[in-house]
């Protein structure tokens, strides 16, 4: 799963001379929270986010309504944007997990996708959540089970083999380390066209593993 396959291609972009009022209007109309700021040939020079548009009240406290209007109308993207050299970006060949790691570590909500200095797309936290839901079979009816297993070789294979022995198929799965216990792995498995009770019976019978949860999902 690569960034190039899941990014938003041809994102909405703005010129550094665009007024902040107009940029806010574009964000509202297009329902986006990030606007790459580009110059000739879509070369990235900055990034506007909703957070950057929040003017500190202290800057407006001494102004009357007409002065505030004039102040805001004179602001441009260049005045408020994150400067190009400070914008964290990613290349289209990076994996989704690499992009997610960068976002988490840097505590940011998007990554402009560049080839050299040219913006070819953008990937956001919403894109990541969409793919997480898809990876775990979100929106597909079936039975979802969470199994806690020792974090060692062969444990996932035991669960898969138990399900395969029943003639069932797994349509989605994923896993993470058990909370506060890296010696165990919590594996989510989704199966279709199987009674919940039957799946619970099969998974509960796997030696050394614990069935934490089983439920029907839609």
N, C-alpha and C. Protein backbone atom coordinates (compact mmCIF):
# COMPACT_ATOMS: atom_id res chain seq x y z
N UNK A 1 0.86 -1.19 0.00
CA UNK A 1 0.00 0.00 0.00
C UNK A 1 0.89 1.24 0.00
N UNK A 2 0.85 1.96 -1.11
CA UNK A 2 1.75 3.09 -1.28
C UNK A 2 0.96 4.40 -1.30
N UNK A 3 1.64 5.47 -0.88
CA UNK A 3 1.02 6.78 -0.83
C UNK A 3 0.40 7.16 -2.18
N UNK A 4 1.09 6.87 -3.27
CA UNK A 4 0.62 7.28 -4.59
C UNK A 4 -0.74 6.69 -4.95
N UNK A 5 -1.08 5.56 -4.35
CA UNK A 5 -2.35 4.90 -4.68
C UNK A 5 -3.52 5.39 -3.82
N UNK A 6 -3.23 6.08 -2.73
CA UNK A 6 -4.30 6.47 -1.80
C UNK A 6 -4.35 7.97 -1.53
N UNK A 7 -3.40 8.72 -2.07
CA UNK A 7 -3.41 10.17 -1.89
C UNK A 7 -4.53 10.79 -2.72
N UNK A 8 -4.87 12.03 -2.39
CA UNK A 8 -5.78 12.82 -3.21
C UNK A 8 -4.95 13.46 -4.32
N UNK A 9 -5.25 13.07 -5.54
CA UNK A 9 -4.51 13.63 -6.67
C UNK A 9 -5.08 15.00 -7.03
N UNK A 10 -4.24 15.85 -7.56
CA UNK A 10 -4.64 17.20 -7.98
C UNK A 10 -5.42 17.90 -6.87
N UNK A 11 -4.81 18.05 -5.69
CA UNK A 11 -5.52 18.72 -4.58
C UNK A 11 -5.76 20.19 -4.90
N UNK A 12 -6.68 20.77 -4.16
CA UNK A 12 -6.93 22.20 -4.28
C UNK A 12 -5.68 22.94 -3.81
N UNK A 13 -5.17 23.83 -4.62
CA UNK A 13 -3.96 24.59 -4.29
C UNK A 13 -4.24 26.07 -4.49
N UNK A 14 -3.47 26.91 -3.79
CA UNK A 14 -3.67 28.35 -3.90
C UNK A 14 -2.34 29.06 -4.14
N UNK A 15 -2.46 30.31 -4.59
CA UNK A 15 -1.30 31.16 -4.84
C UNK A 15 -0.95 31.91 -3.56
N UNK A 16 0.33 32.19 -3.32
CA UNK A 16 0.70 32.90 -2.09
C UNK A 16 0.11 34.30 -1.97
N UNK A 17 -0.34 34.89 -3.08
CA UNK A 17 -0.92 36.23 -3.01
C UNK A 17 -2.42 36.21 -2.74
N UNK A 18 -3.03 35.02 -2.67
CA UNK A 18 -4.47 34.95 -2.41
C UNK A 18 -4.79 35.46 -1.02
N UNK A 19 -5.88 36.20 -0.89
CA UNK A 19 -6.28 36.71 0.42
C UNK A 19 -6.74 35.56 1.31
N UNK A 20 -6.54 35.74 2.62
CA UNK A 20 -6.95 34.72 3.57
C UNK A 20 -8.46 34.56 3.57
N UNK A 21 -9.18 35.64 3.35
CA UNK A 21 -10.64 35.56 3.28
C UNK A 21 -11.06 34.65 2.14
N UNK A 22 -10.42 34.80 0.99
CA UNK A 22 -10.75 33.94 -0.15
C UNK A 22 -10.33 32.50 0.11
N UNK A 23 -9.18 32.30 0.75
CA UNK A 23 -8.71 30.95 1.07
C UNK A 23 -9.69 30.26 2.02
N UNK A 24 -10.20 31.01 3.00
CA UNK A 24 -11.20 30.45 3.92
C UNK A 24 -12.45 30.02 3.17
N UNK A 25 -12.84 30.83 2.21
CA UNK A 25 -14.01 30.48 1.40
C UNK A 25 -13.79 29.20 0.62
N UNK A 26 -12.60 29.05 0.05
CA UNK A 26 -12.28 27.83 -0.69
C UNK A 26 -12.31 26.62 0.23
N UNK A 27 -11.76 26.75 1.43
CA UNK A 27 -11.78 25.64 2.38
C UNK A 27 -13.22 25.22 2.71
N UNK A 28 -14.08 26.21 2.92
CA UNK A 28 -15.47 25.91 3.26
C UNK A 28 -16.19 25.25 2.11
N UNK A 29 -15.98 25.76 0.90
CA UNK A 29 -16.67 25.22 -0.27
C UNK A 29 -16.22 23.81 -0.61
N UNK A 30 -14.92 23.56 -0.49
CA UNK A 30 -14.37 22.26 -0.89
C UNK A 30 -14.26 21.28 0.28
N UNK A 31 -14.54 21.77 1.50
CA UNK A 31 -14.50 20.95 2.71
C UNK A 31 -13.13 20.30 2.91
N UNK A 32 -12.09 21.12 2.74
CA UNK A 32 -10.73 20.66 3.02
C UNK A 32 -10.16 21.48 4.17
N UNK A 33 -9.13 20.95 4.81
CA UNK A 33 -8.52 21.63 5.95
C UNK A 33 -7.08 22.03 5.69
N UNK A 34 -6.58 21.69 4.50
CA UNK A 34 -5.19 21.98 4.16
C UNK A 34 -5.11 22.45 2.71
N UNK A 35 -4.38 23.53 2.48
CA UNK A 35 -4.21 24.05 1.13
C UNK A 35 -2.72 24.23 0.83
N UNK A 36 -2.15 23.41 -0.04
CA UNK A 36 -0.78 23.67 -0.46
C UNK A 36 -0.71 25.02 -1.17
N UNK A 37 0.32 25.77 -0.87
CA UNK A 37 0.54 27.06 -1.51
C UNK A 37 1.65 26.88 -2.55
N UNK A 38 1.34 27.21 -3.79
CA UNK A 38 2.27 26.91 -4.88
C UNK A 38 2.50 28.14 -5.75
N UNK A 39 3.64 28.09 -6.43
CA UNK A 39 3.93 29.09 -7.45
C UNK A 39 4.07 28.36 -8.78
N UNK A 40 4.60 29.03 -9.77
CA UNK A 40 4.64 28.49 -11.13
C UNK A 40 5.02 27.02 -11.22
N UNK A 41 4.23 26.27 -12.00
CA UNK A 41 4.48 24.84 -12.18
C UNK A 41 4.17 24.00 -10.97
N UNK A 42 3.29 24.50 -10.07
CA UNK A 42 2.87 23.77 -8.87
C UNK A 42 4.03 23.49 -7.91
N UNK A 43 5.00 24.38 -7.89
CA UNK A 43 6.13 24.25 -6.97
C UNK A 43 5.70 24.68 -5.58
N UNK A 44 5.90 23.80 -4.60
CA UNK A 44 5.44 24.06 -3.23
C UNK A 44 6.26 25.18 -2.58
N UNK A 45 5.56 26.18 -2.05
CA UNK A 45 6.23 27.26 -1.31
C UNK A 45 5.69 27.39 0.10
N UNK A 46 4.60 26.68 0.41
CA UNK A 46 4.05 26.77 1.75
C UNK A 46 2.80 25.92 1.91
N UNK A 47 2.20 26.00 3.09
CA UNK A 47 0.99 25.23 3.39
C UNK A 47 0.11 26.04 4.33
N UNK A 48 -1.14 26.16 3.96
CA UNK A 48 -2.14 26.81 4.81
C UNK A 48 -3.00 25.73 5.46
N UNK A 49 -3.18 25.83 6.77
CA UNK A 49 -4.06 24.92 7.50
C UNK A 49 -5.10 25.75 8.26
N UNK A 50 -6.14 25.10 8.73
CA UNK A 50 -7.16 25.81 9.52
C UNK A 50 -6.53 26.43 10.76
N UNK A 51 -5.58 25.72 11.36
CA UNK A 51 -4.96 26.24 12.57
C UNK A 51 -4.20 27.53 12.28
N UNK A 52 -3.57 27.62 11.11
CA UNK A 52 -2.80 28.83 10.78
C UNK A 52 -3.71 30.03 10.58
N UNK A 53 -4.99 29.78 10.32
CA UNK A 53 -5.92 30.87 10.07
C UNK A 53 -6.54 31.43 11.35
N UNK A 54 -6.24 30.82 12.47
CA UNK A 54 -6.80 31.29 13.73
C UNK A 54 -5.97 32.47 14.23
N UNK A 55 -6.49 33.65 14.02
CA UNK A 55 -5.79 34.86 14.43
C UNK A 55 -5.90 35.03 15.95
N UNK A 56 -4.78 35.20 16.65
CA UNK A 56 -4.85 35.39 18.11
C UNK A 56 -5.72 36.59 18.46
N UNK A 57 -6.66 36.46 19.38
CA UNK A 57 -7.54 37.56 19.76
C UNK A 57 -6.78 38.81 20.19
N UNK A 58 -5.56 38.63 20.74
CA UNK A 58 -4.79 39.78 21.20
C UNK A 58 -4.43 40.73 20.06
N UNK A 59 -4.35 40.17 18.83
CA UNK A 59 -4.01 41.00 17.68
C UNK A 59 -5.20 41.85 17.23
N UNK A 60 -6.40 41.46 17.64
CA UNK A 60 -7.60 42.17 17.19
C UNK A 60 -8.27 42.98 18.30
N UNK A 61 -7.81 42.79 19.53
CA UNK A 61 -8.52 43.36 20.68
C UNK A 61 -8.67 44.87 20.62
N UNK A 62 -7.68 45.55 20.09
CA UNK A 62 -7.71 47.02 20.09
C UNK A 62 -8.34 47.61 18.84
N UNK A 63 -8.84 46.74 17.93
CA UNK A 63 -9.38 47.22 16.66
C UNK A 63 -10.91 47.25 16.69
N UNK A 64 -11.49 48.22 15.98
CA UNK A 64 -12.94 48.22 15.83
C UNK A 64 -13.32 47.33 14.66
N UNK A 65 -14.62 47.14 14.42
CA UNK A 65 -15.07 46.18 13.41
C UNK A 65 -14.56 46.54 12.03
N UNK A 66 -14.44 47.81 11.70
CA UNK A 66 -13.96 48.20 10.37
C UNK A 66 -12.47 47.93 10.23
N UNK A 67 -11.75 48.19 11.30
CA UNK A 67 -10.31 47.93 11.28
C UNK A 67 -10.03 46.42 11.19
N UNK A 68 -10.84 45.64 11.89
CA UNK A 68 -10.69 44.18 11.82
C UNK A 68 -10.92 43.70 10.39
N UNK A 69 -11.99 44.20 9.76
CA UNK A 69 -12.30 43.82 8.37
C UNK A 69 -11.12 44.16 7.46
N UNK A 70 -10.59 45.37 7.62
CA UNK A 70 -9.47 45.80 6.77
C UNK A 70 -8.23 44.94 7.05
N UNK A 71 -7.99 44.65 8.34
CA UNK A 71 -6.84 43.84 8.72
C UNK A 71 -6.90 42.46 8.06
N UNK A 72 -8.07 41.81 8.14
CA UNK A 72 -8.23 40.47 7.58
C UNK A 72 -8.15 40.48 6.06
N UNK A 73 -8.73 41.50 5.45
CA UNK A 73 -8.74 41.55 3.98
C UNK A 73 -7.36 41.77 3.41
N UNK A 74 -6.46 42.34 4.22
CA UNK A 74 -5.10 42.59 3.73
C UNK A 74 -4.17 41.40 3.92
N UNK A 75 -4.59 40.42 4.72
CA UNK A 75 -3.76 39.23 4.93
C UNK A 75 -3.80 38.33 3.71
N UNK A 76 -2.65 37.79 3.36
CA UNK A 76 -2.57 36.85 2.23
C UNK A 76 -2.07 35.50 2.72
N UNK A 77 -2.14 34.52 1.85
CA UNK A 77 -1.64 33.19 2.18
C UNK A 77 -0.17 33.25 2.59
N UNK A 78 0.58 34.09 1.93
CA UNK A 78 2.01 34.20 2.23
C UNK A 78 2.24 34.66 3.67
N UNK A 79 1.32 35.47 4.21
CA UNK A 79 1.48 36.00 5.57
C UNK A 79 1.28 34.93 6.64
N UNK A 80 0.41 33.96 6.38
CA UNK A 80 0.05 32.98 7.41
C UNK A 80 0.54 31.57 7.15
N UNK A 81 1.00 31.30 5.95
CA UNK A 81 1.35 29.91 5.60
C UNK A 81 2.57 29.42 6.37
N UNK A 82 2.65 28.09 6.51
CA UNK A 82 3.89 27.45 6.95
C UNK A 82 4.85 27.55 5.78
N UNK A 83 6.01 28.11 6.00
CA UNK A 83 6.96 28.31 4.90
C UNK A 83 7.40 26.97 4.31
N UNK A 84 7.69 27.00 3.03
CA UNK A 84 8.03 25.78 2.31
C UNK A 84 9.09 24.93 2.95
N UNK A 85 10.14 25.58 3.48
CA UNK A 85 11.24 24.81 4.07
C UNK A 85 10.83 24.12 5.37
N UNK A 86 9.70 24.54 5.94
CA UNK A 86 9.22 23.94 7.19
C UNK A 86 8.06 22.96 6.99
N UNK A 87 7.61 22.83 5.74
CA UNK A 87 6.51 21.91 5.46
C UNK A 87 7.06 20.49 5.36
N UNK A 88 6.47 19.59 6.11
CA UNK A 88 6.89 18.18 6.06
C UNK A 88 6.14 17.50 4.92
N UNK A 89 6.87 16.87 4.04
CA UNK A 89 6.29 16.27 2.83
C UNK A 89 6.67 14.79 2.75
N UNK A 90 6.16 14.14 1.73
CA UNK A 90 6.49 12.73 1.51
C UNK A 90 6.50 12.46 0.02
N UNK A 91 7.18 11.39 -0.38
CA UNK A 91 7.23 11.05 -1.80
C UNK A 91 6.18 10.00 -2.13
N UNK A 92 5.75 9.92 -3.37
CA UNK A 92 4.64 9.02 -3.73
C UNK A 92 4.96 7.54 -3.57
N UNK A 93 6.24 7.19 -3.53
CA UNK A 93 6.60 5.78 -3.39
C UNK A 93 6.67 5.29 -1.96
N UNK A 94 6.44 6.19 -0.99
CA UNK A 94 6.47 5.78 0.42
C UNK A 94 5.26 4.90 0.73
N UNK A 95 5.39 4.07 1.74
CA UNK A 95 4.27 3.22 2.16
C UNK A 95 3.32 4.01 3.06
N UNK A 96 2.09 3.51 3.17
CA UNK A 96 1.12 4.17 4.04
C UNK A 96 1.59 4.16 5.50
N UNK A 97 2.23 3.07 5.92
CA UNK A 97 2.67 3.04 7.31
C UNK A 97 3.80 4.04 7.56
N UNK A 98 4.63 4.29 6.55
CA UNK A 98 5.66 5.32 6.69
C UNK A 98 5.00 6.69 6.83
N UNK A 99 4.01 6.96 6.00
CA UNK A 99 3.31 8.24 6.06
C UNK A 99 2.61 8.41 7.41
N UNK A 100 1.97 7.35 7.88
CA UNK A 100 1.27 7.42 9.17
C UNK A 100 2.25 7.67 10.31
N UNK A 101 3.40 7.03 10.25
CA UNK A 101 4.42 7.21 11.29
C UNK A 101 4.90 8.66 11.34
N UNK A 102 5.14 9.25 10.17
CA UNK A 102 5.58 10.64 10.11
C UNK A 102 4.51 11.56 10.70
N UNK A 103 3.24 11.32 10.34
CA UNK A 103 2.16 12.16 10.86
C UNK A 103 2.06 12.07 12.38
N UNK A 104 2.18 10.87 12.91
CA UNK A 104 2.07 10.68 14.36
C UNK A 104 3.26 11.33 15.07
N UNK A 105 4.47 11.08 14.56
CA UNK A 105 5.66 11.62 15.21
C UNK A 105 5.69 13.14 15.17
N UNK A 106 5.24 13.71 14.04
CA UNK A 106 5.28 15.16 13.89
C UNK A 106 3.99 15.84 14.35
N UNK A 107 2.98 15.02 14.67
CA UNK A 107 1.68 15.52 15.13
C UNK A 107 1.07 16.50 14.12
N UNK A 108 0.99 16.03 12.89
CA UNK A 108 0.43 16.85 11.80
C UNK A 108 -0.71 16.08 11.13
N UNK A 109 -1.55 16.83 10.41
CA UNK A 109 -2.75 16.22 9.82
C UNK A 109 -2.66 15.93 8.34
N UNK A 110 -1.54 16.30 7.70
CA UNK A 110 -1.44 16.03 6.27
C UNK A 110 0.01 16.02 5.84
N UNK A 111 0.23 15.43 4.67
CA UNK A 111 1.55 15.44 4.03
C UNK A 111 1.37 15.76 2.56
N UNK A 112 1.82 16.92 2.08
CA UNK A 112 1.84 17.13 0.63
C UNK A 112 2.75 16.08 -0.01
N UNK A 113 2.35 15.57 -1.15
CA UNK A 113 3.12 14.55 -1.85
C UNK A 113 3.86 15.22 -3.00
N UNK A 114 5.19 15.10 -2.98
CA UNK A 114 6.00 15.82 -3.96
C UNK A 114 6.82 14.88 -4.82
N UNK A 115 6.98 15.29 -6.07
CA UNK A 115 8.03 14.75 -6.94
C UNK A 115 8.95 15.93 -7.22
N UNK A 116 10.17 15.85 -6.67
CA UNK A 116 11.06 17.00 -6.60
C UNK A 116 10.35 18.09 -5.78
N UNK A 117 10.11 19.27 -6.34
CA UNK A 117 9.41 20.31 -5.58
C UNK A 117 7.97 20.47 -6.03
N UNK A 118 7.50 19.57 -6.87
CA UNK A 118 6.18 19.72 -7.49
C UNK A 118 5.13 18.94 -6.72
N UNK A 119 4.02 19.60 -6.39
CA UNK A 119 2.92 18.95 -5.68
C UNK A 119 2.12 18.09 -6.65
N UNK A 120 2.06 16.79 -6.38
CA UNK A 120 1.25 15.89 -7.22
C UNK A 120 0.06 15.32 -6.44
N UNK A 121 0.02 15.59 -5.14
CA UNK A 121 -1.09 15.08 -4.34
C UNK A 121 -0.95 15.49 -2.90
N UNK A 122 -1.86 15.03 -2.09
CA UNK A 122 -1.80 15.25 -0.65
C UNK A 122 -2.45 14.05 0.04
N UNK A 123 -1.89 13.64 1.17
CA UNK A 123 -2.49 12.55 1.93
C UNK A 123 -2.74 13.07 3.34
N UNK A 124 -3.93 12.80 3.86
CA UNK A 124 -4.35 13.37 5.13
C UNK A 124 -4.69 12.28 6.14
N UNK A 125 -4.92 12.72 7.38
CA UNK A 125 -5.32 11.77 8.43
C UNK A 125 -6.65 11.11 8.09
N UNK A 126 -7.52 11.80 7.37
CA UNK A 126 -8.80 11.21 6.96
C UNK A 126 -8.55 10.08 5.97
N UNK A 127 -7.63 10.29 5.02
CA UNK A 127 -7.27 9.22 4.08
C UNK A 127 -6.78 8.00 4.84
N UNK A 128 -5.98 8.22 5.87
CA UNK A 128 -5.45 7.12 6.67
C UNK A 128 -6.56 6.36 7.38
N UNK A 129 -7.51 7.09 7.95
CA UNK A 129 -8.60 6.43 8.66
C UNK A 129 -9.48 5.63 7.70
N UNK A 130 -9.68 6.16 6.50
CA UNK A 130 -10.46 5.43 5.49
C UNK A 130 -9.80 4.09 5.18
N UNK A 131 -8.48 4.12 5.00
CA UNK A 131 -7.77 2.88 4.66
C UNK A 131 -7.68 1.93 5.84
N UNK A 132 -7.60 2.48 7.07
CA UNK A 132 -7.61 1.61 8.25
C UNK A 132 -8.93 0.86 8.32
N UNK A 133 -10.04 1.59 8.09
CA UNK A 133 -11.35 0.94 8.11
C UNK A 133 -11.45 -0.12 7.02
N UNK A 134 -10.92 0.19 5.83
CA UNK A 134 -10.96 -0.77 4.73
C UNK A 134 -10.10 -1.99 5.03
N UNK A 135 -8.94 -1.76 5.64
CA UNK A 135 -8.03 -2.86 5.96
C UNK A 135 -8.67 -3.85 6.93
N UNK A 136 -9.52 -3.32 7.82
CA UNK A 136 -10.19 -4.17 8.80
C UNK A 136 -11.60 -4.57 8.36
N UNK A 137 -11.88 -4.37 7.06
CA UNK A 137 -13.16 -4.82 6.53
C UNK A 137 -14.34 -4.00 6.96
N UNK A 138 -14.12 -2.73 7.25
CA UNK A 138 -15.22 -1.86 7.67
C UNK A 138 -16.30 -1.76 6.61
N UNK A 139 -17.55 -1.84 7.04
CA UNK A 139 -18.68 -1.73 6.12
C UNK A 139 -19.09 -3.03 5.46
N UNK A 140 -18.34 -4.11 5.73
CA UNK A 140 -18.69 -5.42 5.15
C UNK A 140 -19.30 -6.29 6.25
N UNK A 141 -20.53 -6.75 6.08
CA UNK A 141 -21.18 -7.57 7.12
C UNK A 141 -20.42 -8.87 7.36
N UNK A 142 -20.42 -9.32 8.60
CA UNK A 142 -19.76 -10.57 8.94
C UNK A 142 -19.63 -10.71 10.44
N UNK A 143 -18.68 -11.53 10.86
CA UNK A 143 -18.41 -11.74 12.28
C UNK A 143 -16.96 -11.33 12.55
N UNK A 144 -16.80 -10.49 13.56
CA UNK A 144 -15.49 -9.95 13.92
C UNK A 144 -15.05 -10.56 15.25
N UNK A 145 -13.84 -11.10 15.28
CA UNK A 145 -13.31 -11.68 16.51
C UNK A 145 -11.95 -11.08 16.82
N UNK A 146 -11.68 -10.90 18.12
CA UNK A 146 -10.37 -10.45 18.57
C UNK A 146 -9.76 -11.55 19.42
N UNK A 147 -8.59 -12.00 19.00
CA UNK A 147 -7.91 -13.10 19.68
C UNK A 147 -6.57 -12.61 20.21
N UNK A 148 -6.31 -12.85 21.49
CA UNK A 148 -5.00 -12.51 22.07
C UNK A 148 -4.12 -13.76 22.02
N UNK A 149 -2.97 -13.59 21.41
CA UNK A 149 -2.07 -14.72 21.23
C UNK A 149 -0.64 -14.33 21.61
N UNK A 150 0.18 -15.31 21.99
CA UNK A 150 1.58 -14.99 22.31
C UNK A 150 2.27 -14.38 21.08
N UNK A 151 3.13 -13.44 21.32
CA UNK A 151 3.85 -12.78 20.24
C UNK A 151 5.06 -13.63 19.84
N UNK A 152 4.75 -14.71 19.13
CA UNK A 152 5.82 -15.59 18.65
C UNK A 152 5.38 -16.25 17.36
N UNK A 153 6.32 -16.83 16.66
CA UNK A 153 6.07 -17.41 15.34
C UNK A 153 5.04 -18.54 15.43
N UNK A 154 4.18 -18.58 14.43
CA UNK A 154 3.25 -19.68 14.29
C UNK A 154 1.90 -19.46 14.92
N UNK A 155 1.74 -18.41 15.74
CA UNK A 155 0.47 -18.22 16.43
C UNK A 155 -0.64 -17.77 15.49
N UNK A 156 -0.33 -16.84 14.59
CA UNK A 156 -1.35 -16.42 13.62
C UNK A 156 -1.74 -17.59 12.72
N UNK A 157 -0.74 -18.39 12.35
CA UNK A 157 -1.00 -19.55 11.49
C UNK A 157 -1.96 -20.53 12.16
N UNK A 158 -1.87 -20.66 13.48
CA UNK A 158 -2.77 -21.56 14.20
C UNK A 158 -4.22 -21.10 14.05
N UNK A 159 -4.45 -19.78 14.17
CA UNK A 159 -5.81 -19.25 14.04
C UNK A 159 -6.31 -19.40 12.61
N UNK A 160 -5.44 -19.10 11.66
CA UNK A 160 -5.83 -19.21 10.24
C UNK A 160 -6.14 -20.66 9.89
N UNK A 161 -5.32 -21.58 10.37
CA UNK A 161 -5.54 -23.00 10.08
C UNK A 161 -6.85 -23.50 10.68
N UNK A 162 -7.17 -23.03 11.90
CA UNK A 162 -8.41 -23.46 12.54
C UNK A 162 -9.62 -22.99 11.74
N UNK A 163 -9.55 -21.79 11.20
CA UNK A 163 -10.65 -21.27 10.39
C UNK A 163 -10.71 -21.99 9.04
N UNK A 164 -9.55 -22.20 8.42
CA UNK A 164 -9.51 -22.88 7.12
C UNK A 164 -10.03 -24.31 7.22
N UNK A 165 -9.79 -24.96 8.36
CA UNK A 165 -10.24 -26.34 8.54
C UNK A 165 -11.75 -26.45 8.52
N UNK A 166 -12.44 -25.34 8.77
CA UNK A 166 -13.91 -25.33 8.74
C UNK A 166 -14.43 -24.99 7.34
N UNK A 167 -13.51 -24.71 6.43
CA UNK A 167 -13.92 -24.33 5.09
C UNK A 167 -14.33 -22.87 4.97
N UNK A 168 -13.97 -22.07 5.98
CA UNK A 168 -14.30 -20.65 5.95
C UNK A 168 -13.15 -19.85 5.36
N UNK A 169 -13.46 -18.65 4.99
CA UNK A 169 -12.44 -17.75 4.48
C UNK A 169 -12.37 -16.48 5.29
N UNK A 170 -11.19 -15.93 5.46
CA UNK A 170 -10.98 -14.66 6.16
C UNK A 170 -11.00 -13.54 5.14
N UNK A 171 -11.86 -12.54 5.34
CA UNK A 171 -11.90 -11.43 4.38
C UNK A 171 -11.18 -10.20 4.88
N UNK A 172 -10.80 -10.16 6.15
CA UNK A 172 -10.00 -9.04 6.66
C UNK A 172 -9.35 -9.46 7.96
N UNK A 173 -8.16 -8.92 8.20
CA UNK A 173 -7.48 -9.19 9.47
C UNK A 173 -6.44 -8.11 9.72
N UNK A 174 -6.03 -8.01 10.96
CA UNK A 174 -5.00 -7.06 11.36
C UNK A 174 -4.66 -7.30 12.81
N UNK A 175 -3.59 -6.68 13.26
CA UNK A 175 -3.21 -6.90 14.64
C UNK A 175 -2.29 -5.84 15.18
N UNK A 176 -2.25 -5.74 16.51
CA UNK A 176 -1.35 -4.82 17.21
C UNK A 176 -0.88 -5.50 18.49
N UNK A 177 0.19 -4.98 19.06
CA UNK A 177 0.63 -5.48 20.35
C UNK A 177 -0.47 -5.26 21.38
N UNK A 178 -0.63 -6.21 22.27
CA UNK A 178 -1.62 -6.07 23.34
C UNK A 178 -1.27 -4.84 24.19
N UNK A 179 -2.28 -4.10 24.65
CA UNK A 179 -2.01 -2.90 25.45
C UNK A 179 -1.12 -3.19 26.65
N UNK A 180 0.01 -2.48 26.73
CA UNK A 180 0.95 -2.57 27.86
C UNK A 180 1.55 -3.96 28.03
N UNK A 181 1.49 -4.78 26.97
CA UNK A 181 2.04 -6.13 27.09
C UNK A 181 2.58 -6.60 25.74
N UNK A 182 3.82 -6.25 25.40
CA UNK A 182 4.38 -6.61 24.10
C UNK A 182 4.65 -8.09 23.91
N UNK A 183 4.44 -8.88 24.95
CA UNK A 183 4.61 -10.33 24.81
C UNK A 183 3.40 -10.99 24.15
N UNK A 184 2.33 -10.20 23.96
CA UNK A 184 1.12 -10.75 23.35
C UNK A 184 0.68 -9.86 22.19
N UNK A 185 -0.09 -10.45 21.31
CA UNK A 185 -0.54 -9.82 20.07
C UNK A 185 -2.05 -9.96 19.99
N UNK A 186 -2.75 -8.85 19.79
CA UNK A 186 -4.20 -8.89 19.62
C UNK A 186 -4.52 -8.88 18.13
N UNK A 187 -5.06 -9.98 17.67
CA UNK A 187 -5.33 -10.16 16.25
C UNK A 187 -6.84 -10.07 15.98
N UNK A 188 -7.22 -9.21 15.06
CA UNK A 188 -8.62 -9.07 14.65
C UNK A 188 -8.82 -9.89 13.39
N UNK A 189 -9.85 -10.71 13.38
CA UNK A 189 -10.16 -11.58 12.25
C UNK A 189 -11.63 -11.41 11.89
N UNK A 190 -11.91 -11.23 10.62
CA UNK A 190 -13.30 -11.12 10.18
C UNK A 190 -13.62 -12.22 9.17
N UNK A 191 -14.79 -12.84 9.41
CA UNK A 191 -15.24 -13.97 8.59
C UNK A 191 -16.68 -13.71 8.18
N UNK A 192 -17.04 -14.10 6.97
CA UNK A 192 -18.42 -13.92 6.51
C UNK A 192 -19.17 -15.24 6.47
N UNK A 193 -20.50 -15.13 6.55
CA UNK A 193 -21.39 -16.29 6.39
C UNK A 193 -21.09 -17.40 7.39
N UNK A 194 -20.82 -17.01 8.62
CA UNK A 194 -20.52 -17.96 9.69
C UNK A 194 -21.30 -17.54 10.93
N UNK A 195 -21.97 -18.45 11.63
CA UNK A 195 -22.64 -18.08 12.89
C UNK A 195 -21.61 -17.62 13.92
N UNK A 196 -21.95 -16.58 14.65
CA UNK A 196 -21.04 -16.04 15.65
C UNK A 196 -20.63 -17.10 16.67
N UNK A 197 -21.61 -17.88 17.10
CA UNK A 197 -21.34 -18.89 18.13
C UNK A 197 -20.35 -19.95 17.62
N UNK A 198 -20.46 -20.29 16.34
CA UNK A 198 -19.57 -21.31 15.78
C UNK A 198 -18.14 -20.79 15.68
N UNK A 199 -17.99 -19.54 15.26
CA UNK A 199 -16.64 -18.96 15.18
C UNK A 199 -16.03 -18.88 16.57
N UNK A 200 -16.85 -18.48 17.55
CA UNK A 200 -16.35 -18.38 18.92
C UNK A 200 -15.89 -19.75 19.43
N UNK A 201 -16.64 -20.78 19.09
CA UNK A 201 -16.28 -22.14 19.53
C UNK A 201 -14.93 -22.56 18.95
N UNK A 202 -14.72 -22.30 17.67
CA UNK A 202 -13.48 -22.70 17.00
C UNK A 202 -12.29 -21.94 17.56
N UNK A 203 -12.42 -20.62 17.70
CA UNK A 203 -11.29 -19.82 18.16
C UNK A 203 -10.99 -20.04 19.64
N UNK A 204 -12.00 -20.35 20.41
CA UNK A 204 -11.79 -20.61 21.84
C UNK A 204 -11.03 -21.91 22.07
N UNK A 205 -11.04 -22.77 21.07
CA UNK A 205 -10.38 -24.07 21.23
C UNK A 205 -8.92 -24.08 20.84
N UNK A 206 -8.35 -22.94 20.47
CA UNK A 206 -6.94 -22.89 20.07
C UNK A 206 -6.07 -22.79 21.32
N UNK A 207 -5.19 -23.74 21.48
CA UNK A 207 -4.35 -23.81 22.67
C UNK A 207 -3.43 -22.58 22.77
N UNK A 208 -3.38 -21.99 23.95
CA UNK A 208 -2.47 -20.88 24.20
C UNK A 208 -3.00 -19.53 23.77
N UNK A 209 -4.21 -19.48 23.22
CA UNK A 209 -4.79 -18.22 22.76
C UNK A 209 -6.09 -17.94 23.51
N UNK A 210 -6.42 -16.66 23.59
CA UNK A 210 -7.62 -16.25 24.33
C UNK A 210 -8.54 -15.44 23.42
N UNK A 211 -9.77 -15.87 23.33
CA UNK A 211 -10.77 -15.11 22.57
C UNK A 211 -11.27 -13.96 23.44
N UNK A 212 -10.96 -12.74 23.03
CA UNK A 212 -11.34 -11.57 23.82
C UNK A 212 -12.73 -11.06 23.48
N UNK A 213 -13.11 -11.19 22.22
CA UNK A 213 -14.37 -10.60 21.79
C UNK A 213 -14.81 -11.24 20.49
N UNK A 214 -16.10 -11.41 20.33
CA UNK A 214 -16.67 -11.85 19.05
C UNK A 214 -18.02 -11.19 18.90
N UNK A 215 -18.28 -10.62 17.71
CA UNK A 215 -19.53 -9.90 17.50
C UNK A 215 -19.86 -9.86 16.03
N UNK A 216 -21.14 -9.73 15.76
CA UNK A 216 -21.59 -9.52 14.38
C UNK A 216 -21.45 -8.05 14.03
N UNK A 217 -20.97 -7.77 12.81
CA UNK A 217 -20.77 -6.40 12.36
C UNK A 217 -21.46 -6.21 11.02
N UNK A 218 -21.81 -4.99 10.75
CA UNK A 218 -22.47 -4.70 9.48
C UNK A 218 -21.92 -3.41 8.89
